[in-house]
Amino acid sequence: MPFTLKPAAGEDFFNREELLHEMLATLANTEVDMGFALIGPRRVGKTSILKEVASRLNQRGEVVAIYLSVWQLVENTLKEFSQELTTATFDAFKPRFATKHKLKELLRVPAKKVYGLLKTLDIHIRLMDEIEVELASREKRLDAGSLMENVFNLIENLSQDFGVRSVLMIDEFPSLIELKNGKRIGEAIIRKLRTINEGLQNTVLCISGSITKTMEIALLSPTSPFYRQFIVRKVGPLDKSSVGGLLKKNLTRPISPDAIDEVYSLTYGIPFYVQFIGRELERSPQPSIDRSSVVQAFAEMLQEEGDVIFAQEFYGLNDKERAILRTMAIGDLNKLSEIAHQLNETPNVISKYLEQLVYKGVIDKQTKGRYDITDPVFNSWLRAKFR
């Protein structure tokens, strides 16, 4: 199969079978009312896992899986989130509706026409009321709590009326605190969802998060709203054996053991970068792939594609944050005192910016006074670009 830079699914999906088996068995079991929380750095494969689990669950008649990523929002408002989740819900239940209408288009017509159309379907009147309230909310403003209750009631009532179990997957869940409803909502939305989730009988919530700090706010610390409400699983990079298996599966030419070692060393086993280098290697005209081929492909990736992958993330930071990252990468520095000295600033000033970068998920705080750039390939791009 070809290398892909999109979330891998179906025949493109590779590895993680033990975790998939656990999730599928648990989420399909109506005796278990806990979902999963997947935690791991960006580009490590959490979205691929969620989408593959959703695909396999939807092949079972008794489960409907609904997937939505908070990062796919454009306006980043609570209203947009509710609209996207409503659309995703209809899409997931679409095979169960006895209508030829496209449900995405159905949401764009006036609420009265939707109500009239749904009266022709075998759906409980309570469900129709929920849909009417939700669609009306696009025209008038509702408070955040009511809006969330309406959306989740829609999923719950659909599940009950069709006699199925719904699994709602919200990718990058902690980013919900960045949503706006006139102003930034903050952590209150997480607390509200905890209350709503407790009342669900036919819906199980699964979440993922890349940023350790915001996941801590949501569920990891004892004071978090969702503390001990999920089965928590950490998703890490692929091991060397899995990297080799992925490359051999997709490459049409032989690759040497040294080349596999080099791919693993440069990518740290992060699936997105393994796929990226694999795609570059597949384009090479050489009859076989050795270590030098990998080194060249990685250098070209950083030079030609690095700006596409990393520039938005980097230039979206403020001047001081960018200066800190450049200093850390170029000087291979990770101690607060060293970074502050190099930037001719006091440790107190630099520590505030470092904590902001931790909150944004760009760096990790390893121990007191020690920080590392979260994505090692991002670190390599910084070093290559600014040295």
Protein backbone atom coordinates (compact mmCIF):
# COMPACT_ATOMS: atom_id res chain seq x y z
CA MET A 1 0.00 0.00 0.00
CA PRO A 2 1.23 3.57 -0.63
CA PHE A 3 2.57 5.78 2.16
CA THR A 4 0.02 8.29 3.42
CA LEU A 5 0.30 11.59 5.28
CA LYS A 6 -3.37 11.44 6.25
CA PRO A 7 -4.66 9.48 9.25
CA ALA A 8 -4.19 5.84 8.29
CA ALA A 9 -7.26 3.63 8.12
CA GLY A 10 -8.34 0.33 6.62
CA GLU A 11 -5.54 -1.38 4.72
CA ASP A 12 -3.25 1.60 5.39
CA PHE A 13 -3.57 1.14 9.15
CA PHE A 14 -0.50 -0.49 10.69
CA ASN A 15 0.34 -1.77 14.17
CA ARG A 16 -1.51 -0.83 17.40
CA GLU A 17 -3.58 -4.03 17.14
CA GLU A 18 -3.40 -4.74 20.87
CA LEU A 19 -4.84 -1.33 21.72
CA LEU A 20 -7.47 -1.63 18.97
CA HIS A 21 -8.57 -5.01 20.27
CA GLU A 22 -8.95 -3.63 23.80
CA MET A 23 -10.90 -0.60 22.63
CA LEU A 24 -13.22 -2.56 20.34
CA ALA A 25 -14.00 -5.17 22.98
CA THR A 26 -14.62 -2.56 25.67
CA LEU A 27 -16.63 -0.05 23.65
CA ALA A 28 -18.93 -2.71 22.23
CA ASN A 29 -19.63 -4.11 25.70
CA THR A 30 -22.80 -2.51 27.08
CA GLU A 31 -21.79 -3.60 30.59
CA VAL A 32 -18.89 -1.12 30.51
CA ASP A 33 -19.81 2.56 30.69
CA MET A 34 -16.29 4.03 30.48
CA GLY A 35 -14.67 5.28 27.31
CA PHE A 36 -11.00 5.77 26.49
CA ALA A 37 -8.70 8.78 26.75
CA LEU A 38 -5.75 8.60 24.37
CA ILE A 39 -2.78 10.75 25.32
CA GLY A 40 0.29 11.30 23.20
CA PRO A 41 2.28 13.91 21.27
CA ARG A 42 1.15 15.29 17.92
CA ARG A 43 1.55 13.15 14.80
CA VAL A 44 1.98 9.97 16.84
CA GLY A 45 -1.18 8.34 15.45
CA LYS A 46 -4.02 9.05 17.91
CA THR A 47 -6.38 10.22 15.16
CA SER A 48 -5.64 7.12 13.10
CA ILE A 49 -6.49 4.94 16.08
CA LEU A 50 -9.78 6.73 16.77
CA LYS A 51 -10.84 6.64 13.12
CA GLU A 52 -9.92 2.98 12.71
CA VAL A 53 -11.84 2.05 15.86
CA ALA A 54 -14.81 4.10 14.62
CA SER A 55 -14.71 2.35 11.25
CA ARG A 56 -14.61 -1.12 12.78
CA LEU A 57 -17.35 -0.30 15.30
CA ASN A 58 -19.62 1.01 12.55
CA GLN A 59 -19.37 -2.36 10.84
CA ARG A 60 -21.22 -3.81 13.82
CA GLY A 61 -24.96 -3.36 13.75
CA GLU A 62 -25.32 -2.59 17.44
CA VAL A 63 -22.85 0.32 17.64
CA VAL A 64 -22.75 3.76 16.00
CA ALA A 65 -19.43 5.64 16.22
CA ILE A 66 -19.34 9.42 15.79
CA TYR A 67 -16.01 11.20 15.24
CA LEU A 68 -15.20 14.91 15.47
CA SER A 69 -11.89 16.73 15.81
CA VAL A 70 -11.93 20.08 17.62
CA TRP A 71 -8.98 21.10 15.44
CA GLN A 72 -11.13 20.95 12.29
CA LEU A 73 -13.13 23.97 13.46
CA VAL A 74 -12.53 27.22 11.58
CA GLU A 75 -14.36 29.85 13.62
CA ASN A 76 -13.55 28.06 16.89
CA THR A 77 -16.93 28.93 18.41
CA LEU A 78 -19.29 26.84 20.49
CA LYS A 79 -21.97 27.35 17.84
CA GLU A 80 -19.69 25.94 15.14
CA PHE A 81 -18.79 22.98 17.36
CA SER A 82 -22.47 22.20 17.95
CA GLN A 83 -23.23 22.42 14.24
CA GLU A 84 -20.31 20.20 13.27
CA LEU A 85 -21.15 17.64 15.94
CA THR A 86 -24.80 17.61 14.85
CA THR A 87 -23.74 17.05 11.23
CA ALA A 88 -21.31 14.29 12.26
CA THR A 89 -24.11 12.65 14.25
CA PHE A 90 -26.49 12.65 11.30
CA ASP A 91 -23.73 11.30 9.05
CA ALA A 92 -23.07 8.43 11.46
CA PHE A 93 -26.78 7.55 11.70
CA LYS A 94 -27.41 8.17 8.00
CA PRO A 95 -27.60 4.46 7.02
CA ARG A 96 -30.44 4.03 9.52
CA PHE A 97 -32.63 6.78 8.12
CA ALA A 98 -35.18 5.75 5.47
CA THR A 99 -34.70 8.85 3.32
CA LYS A 100 -32.84 9.73 0.14
CA HIS A 101 -32.07 13.23 1.33
CA LYS A 102 -28.45 14.04 2.11
CA LEU A 103 -28.42 14.89 5.78
CA LYS A 104 -25.63 17.48 5.44
CA GLU A 105 -27.88 19.37 3.05
CA LEU A 106 -30.84 18.78 5.33
CA LEU A 107 -29.18 20.91 8.02
CA ARG A 108 -28.97 23.90 5.67
CA VAL A 109 -32.71 24.21 5.03
CA PRO A 110 -35.11 26.10 7.36
CA ALA A 111 -36.02 24.31 10.57
CA LYS A 112 -39.72 24.01 9.66
CA LYS A 113 -38.87 22.09 6.49
CA VAL A 114 -36.57 19.79 8.49
CA TYR A 115 -39.31 19.21 11.02
CA GLY A 116 -41.79 18.43 8.26
CA LEU A 117 -39.42 16.01 6.55
CA LEU A 118 -38.58 14.17 9.75
CA LYS A 119 -42.26 13.64 10.51
CA THR A 120 -42.27 11.22 7.56
CA LEU A 121 -39.64 9.09 9.30
CA ASP A 122 -40.18 6.56 12.03
CA ILE A 123 -38.57 8.69 14.73
CA HIS A 124 -39.91 9.48 18.19
CA ILE A 125 -41.46 12.94 18.64
CA ARG A 126 -39.03 13.69 21.46
CA LEU A 127 -36.12 13.33 19.04
CA MET A 128 -37.76 15.70 16.59
CA ASP A 129 -38.12 18.30 19.32
CA GLU A 130 -34.42 18.04 20.08
CA ILE A 131 -33.55 18.53 16.41
CA GLU A 132 -35.83 21.53 16.15
CA VAL A 133 -34.28 23.12 19.23
CA GLU A 134 -30.77 22.47 17.94
CA LEU A 135 -31.44 23.89 14.51
CA ALA A 136 -33.21 26.89 15.98
CA SER A 137 -30.08 27.58 18.00
CA ARG A 138 -28.38 28.52 14.75
CA GLU A 139 -30.72 31.51 14.55
CA LYS A 140 -30.78 32.58 18.19
CA ARG A 141 -28.19 32.46 20.90
CA LEU A 142 -28.39 29.86 23.64
CA ASP A 143 -26.25 29.68 26.73
CA ALA A 144 -23.33 27.27 26.51
CA GLY A 145 -24.83 24.73 28.91
CA SER A 146 -28.16 24.49 27.07
CA LEU A 147 -26.44 24.20 23.72
CA MET A 148 -24.27 21.32 24.90
CA GLU A 149 -27.23 19.56 26.50
CA ASN A 150 -29.21 19.79 23.26
CA VAL A 151 -26.41 18.34 21.14
CA PHE A 152 -25.72 15.45 23.49
CA ASN A 153 -29.44 14.79 23.97
CA LEU A 154 -29.71 14.47 20.21
CA ILE A 155 -27.08 11.70 20.23
CA GLU A 156 -28.59 10.03 23.29
CA ASN A 157 -32.12 10.05 21.88
CA LEU A 158 -31.02 8.77 18.48
CA SER A 159 -29.22 5.93 20.25
CA GLN A 160 -32.28 5.05 22.28
CA ASP A 161 -34.74 5.27 19.39
CA PHE A 162 -32.62 3.09 17.11
CA GLY A 163 -31.70 0.68 19.91
CA VAL A 164 -27.94 1.12 19.56
CA ARG A 165 -24.97 2.18 21.64
CA SER A 166 -23.27 5.36 20.46
CA VAL A 167 -19.54 5.96 20.86
CA LEU A 168 -18.72 9.66 20.57
CA MET A 169 -15.07 10.36 19.80
CA ILE A 170 -13.83 13.91 20.31
CA ASP A 171 -10.29 14.34 19.02
CA GLU A 172 -8.11 16.99 20.73
CA PHE A 173 -10.73 17.26 23.44
CA PRO A 174 -8.94 19.73 25.77
CA SER A 175 -8.98 22.35 23.00
CA LEU A 176 -12.67 22.79 23.80
CA ILE A 177 -11.57 25.26 26.48
CA GLU A 178 -10.40 27.56 23.67
CA LEU A 179 -13.90 27.78 22.14
CA LYS A 180 -15.66 31.13 22.16
CA ASN A 181 -19.28 31.94 22.88
CA GLY A 182 -19.07 35.70 22.71
CA LYS A 183 -15.92 35.30 24.79
CA ARG A 184 -13.58 32.42 25.56
CA ILE A 185 -15.44 29.72 27.47
CA GLY A 186 -12.52 28.26 29.38
CA GLU A 187 -12.57 25.26 31.68
CA ALA A 188 -16.29 25.64 32.43
CA ILE A 189 -17.17 23.73 29.25
CA ILE A 190 -15.18 20.70 30.46
CA ARG A 191 -17.01 20.74 33.79
CA LYS A 192 -20.37 21.02 32.01
CA LEU A 193 -19.56 18.06 29.78
CA ARG A 194 -18.65 16.01 32.83
CA THR A 195 -22.13 16.65 34.22
CA ILE A 196 -23.79 15.80 30.90
CA ASN A 197 -21.67 12.67 30.47
CA GLU A 198 -22.75 11.34 33.86
CA GLY A 199 -26.38 11.28 32.69
CA LEU A 200 -25.80 9.44 29.42
CA GLN A 201 -27.22 5.93 29.27
CA ASN A 202 -26.72 5.01 25.62
CA THR A 203 -23.64 7.08 24.73
CA VAL A 204 -20.00 6.49 25.64
CA LEU A 205 -17.44 9.29 25.29
CA CYS A 206 -13.88 8.75 24.04
CA ILE A 207 -11.36 11.58 23.83
CA SER A 208 -7.79 12.28 22.77
CA GLY A 209 -5.32 15.02 23.56
CA SER A 210 -1.83 15.98 22.43
CA ILE A 211 -1.02 18.65 24.99
CA THR A 212 -0.10 17.24 28.38
CA LYS A 213 -0.91 20.44 30.27
CA THR A 214 -4.46 20.74 28.95
CA MET A 215 -5.08 17.02 29.38
CA GLU A 216 -4.02 17.47 32.99
CA ILE A 217 -6.64 20.21 33.35
CA ALA A 218 -9.28 17.94 31.83
CA LEU A 219 -8.65 14.55 33.41
CA LEU A 220 -5.19 13.71 34.78
CA SER A 221 -5.00 15.59 38.07
CA PRO A 222 -7.20 14.74 41.10
CA THR A 223 -8.95 18.10 40.75
CA SER A 224 -9.79 17.55 37.07
CA PRO A 225 -13.48 17.26 36.07
CA PHE A 226 -12.94 13.92 34.28
CA TYR A 227 -10.50 12.44 36.79
CA ARG A 228 -10.84 8.61 36.71
CA GLN A 229 -13.73 8.84 34.25
CA PHE A 230 -11.80 7.27 31.35
CA ILE A 231 -9.59 4.31 30.62
CA VAL A 232 -6.37 6.22 29.97
CA ARG A 233 -3.95 4.89 27.38
CA LYS A 234 -0.73 6.60 26.32
CA VAL A 235 0.05 6.42 22.61
CA GLY A 236 3.75 6.54 21.88
CA PRO A 237 5.93 6.30 18.78
CA LEU A 238 6.46 3.02 16.93
CA ASP A 239 9.34 0.81 18.03
CA LYS A 240 12.18 0.02 15.64
CA SER A 241 10.69 -3.31 14.62
CA SER A 242 7.37 -1.68 13.73
CA VAL A 243 9.12 1.06 11.76
CA GLY A 244 10.89 -1.62 9.75
CA GLY A 245 7.65 -3.49 9.20
CA LEU A 246 5.88 -0.37 7.97
CA LEU A 247 8.68 0.46 5.53
CA LYS A 248 8.94 -3.08 4.16
CA LYS A 249 5.17 -3.29 3.78
CA ASN A 250 4.91 -0.17 1.63
CA LEU A 251 8.23 0.10 -0.21
CA THR A 252 8.49 -1.59 -3.59
CA ARG A 253 12.29 -1.94 -3.30
CA PRO A 254 14.55 -3.58 -0.72
CA ILE A 255 15.75 -1.50 2.23
CA SER A 256 18.85 -2.34 4.26
CA PRO A 257 18.81 -2.85 8.05
CA ASP A 258 21.10 0.19 8.43
CA ALA A 259 18.60 2.30 6.49
CA ILE A 260 15.77 1.17 8.78
CA ASP A 261 17.90 2.05 11.80
CA GLU A 262 18.51 5.50 10.32
CA VAL A 263 14.81 6.12 9.66
CA TYR A 264 14.05 5.17 13.25
CA SER A 265 16.86 7.39 14.57
CA LEU A 266 15.78 10.45 12.56
CA THR A 267 12.01 10.11 13.08
CA TYR A 268 12.08 8.74 16.63
CA GLY A 269 9.43 6.29 15.43
CA ILE A 270 6.75 8.97 15.01
CA PRO A 271 4.43 7.49 12.35
CA PHE A 272 3.79 10.71 10.41
CA TYR A 273 7.50 11.21 9.75
CA VAL A 274 8.11 7.54 8.98
CA GLN A 275 5.35 7.80 6.36
CA PHE A 276 6.84 11.04 5.03
CA ILE A 277 10.34 9.65 4.62
CA GLY A 278 8.90 6.45 3.18
CA ARG A 279 7.10 8.49 0.53
CA GLU A 280 10.33 10.31 -0.35
CA LEU A 281 12.28 7.05 -0.53
CA GLU A 282 9.66 5.48 -2.79
CA ARG A 283 10.14 8.34 -5.25
CA SER A 284 13.89 7.76 -5.41
CA PRO A 285 15.14 6.08 -8.61
CA GLN A 286 17.72 3.95 -6.76
CA PRO A 287 17.20 0.17 -7.05
CA SER A 288 17.72 -0.32 -3.30
CA ILE A 289 17.65 1.89 -0.25
CA ASP A 290 20.64 2.31 2.03
CA ARG A 291 21.51 4.61 4.92
CA SER A 292 22.73 7.46 2.70
CA SER A 293 19.41 7.43 0.84
CA VAL A 294 17.58 7.95 4.13
CA VAL A 295 19.87 10.79 5.25
CA GLN A 296 19.34 12.55 1.93
CA ALA A 297 15.55 12.03 2.02
CA PHE A 298 15.35 13.42 5.56
CA ALA A 299 17.43 16.49 4.67
CA GLU A 300 15.24 17.15 1.64
CA MET A 301 12.12 16.75 3.77
CA LEU A 302 13.32 19.39 6.22
CA GLN A 303 14.41 21.79 3.49
CA GLU A 304 11.55 21.42 1.03
CA GLU A 305 8.60 20.40 3.17
CA GLY A 306 9.58 21.61 6.64
CA ASP A 307 8.06 25.05 6.15
CA VAL A 308 4.75 23.47 5.13
CA ILE A 309 4.74 21.19 8.16
CA PHE A 310 6.13 23.51 10.83
CA ALA A 311 6.00 27.15 9.73
CA GLN A 312 2.42 27.84 10.84
CA GLU A 313 3.10 26.36 14.25
CA PHE A 314 6.34 28.31 14.67
CA TYR A 315 5.30 31.71 13.31
CA GLY A 316 2.04 31.56 15.24
CA LEU A 317 4.10 32.06 18.41
CA ASN A 318 5.15 35.46 19.73
CA ASP A 319 8.67 36.87 19.23
CA LYS A 320 10.01 35.80 22.60
CA GLU A 321 8.66 32.26 22.29
CA ARG A 322 10.25 31.89 18.86
CA ALA A 323 13.56 33.20 20.20
CA ILE A 324 13.49 30.64 23.01
CA LEU A 325 12.85 27.78 20.60
CA ARG A 326 15.63 28.89 18.26
CA THR A 327 18.02 29.14 21.20
CA MET A 328 17.09 25.70 22.51
CA ALA A 329 17.44 24.05 19.10
CA ILE A 330 20.61 25.74 17.87
CA GLY A 331 22.47 25.48 21.17
CA ASP A 332 21.01 22.12 22.16
CA LEU A 333 19.97 23.74 25.44
CA ASN A 334 17.31 22.52 27.83
CA LYS A 335 18.12 24.12 31.17
CA LEU A 336 16.32 27.30 32.21
CA SER A 337 19.51 28.95 33.40
CA GLU A 338 21.32 28.22 30.12
CA ILE A 339 18.46 29.50 27.96
CA ALA A 340 18.11 32.68 30.04
CA HIS A 341 21.86 33.33 29.90
CA GLN A 342 21.98 32.85 26.13
CA LEU A 343 19.08 35.29 25.65
CA ASN A 344 20.51 37.76 28.18
CA GLU A 345 17.32 37.60 30.24
CA THR A 346 16.58 36.70 33.86
CA PRO A 347 15.37 33.15 34.61
CA ASN A 348 12.12 34.58 36.02
CA VAL A 349 11.26 36.22 32.70
CA ILE A 350 12.17 33.18 30.59
CA SER A 351 10.34 30.76 32.89
CA LYS A 352 7.04 32.55 32.20
CA TYR A 353 7.46 32.10 28.45
CA LEU A 354 8.55 28.50 28.91
CA GLU A 355 5.36 27.77 30.85
CA GLN A 356 3.34 29.31 28.01
CA LEU A 357 5.09 26.99 25.57
CA VAL A 358 4.35 24.04 27.84
CA TYR A 359 0.67 25.02 27.89
CA LYS A 360 0.67 25.20 24.08
CA GLY A 361 2.24 21.76 23.86
CA VAL A 362 5.40 22.94 22.09
CA ILE A 363 7.79 21.93 24.88
CA ASP A 364 7.65 19.53 27.80
CA LYS A 365 8.84 20.21 31.33
CA GLN A 366 10.93 17.18 32.26
CA THR A 367 12.11 18.19 35.72
CA LYS A 368 12.42 21.45 37.62
CA GLY A 369 14.34 23.88 35.41
CA ARG A 370 14.66 21.44 32.47
CA TYR A 371 12.62 21.64 29.25
CA ASP A 372 12.67 19.75 25.94
CA ILE A 373 11.07 20.56 22.60
CA THR A 374 8.18 18.08 22.36
CA ASP A 375 8.60 17.11 18.70
CA PRO A 376 12.20 16.04 17.97
CA VAL A 377 11.74 16.46 14.19
CA PHE A 378 10.45 19.99 14.76
CA ASN A 379 13.64 20.49 16.76
CA SER A 380 15.68 19.22 13.79
CA TRP A 381 13.86 21.64 11.47
CA LEU A 382 14.60 24.57 13.78
CA ARG A 383 18.27 23.61 13.92
CA ALA A 384 18.54 23.24 10.15
CA LYS A 385 16.67 26.45 9.39
CA PHE A 386 18.26 28.86 11.85
CA ARG A 387 21.77 27.56 12.50
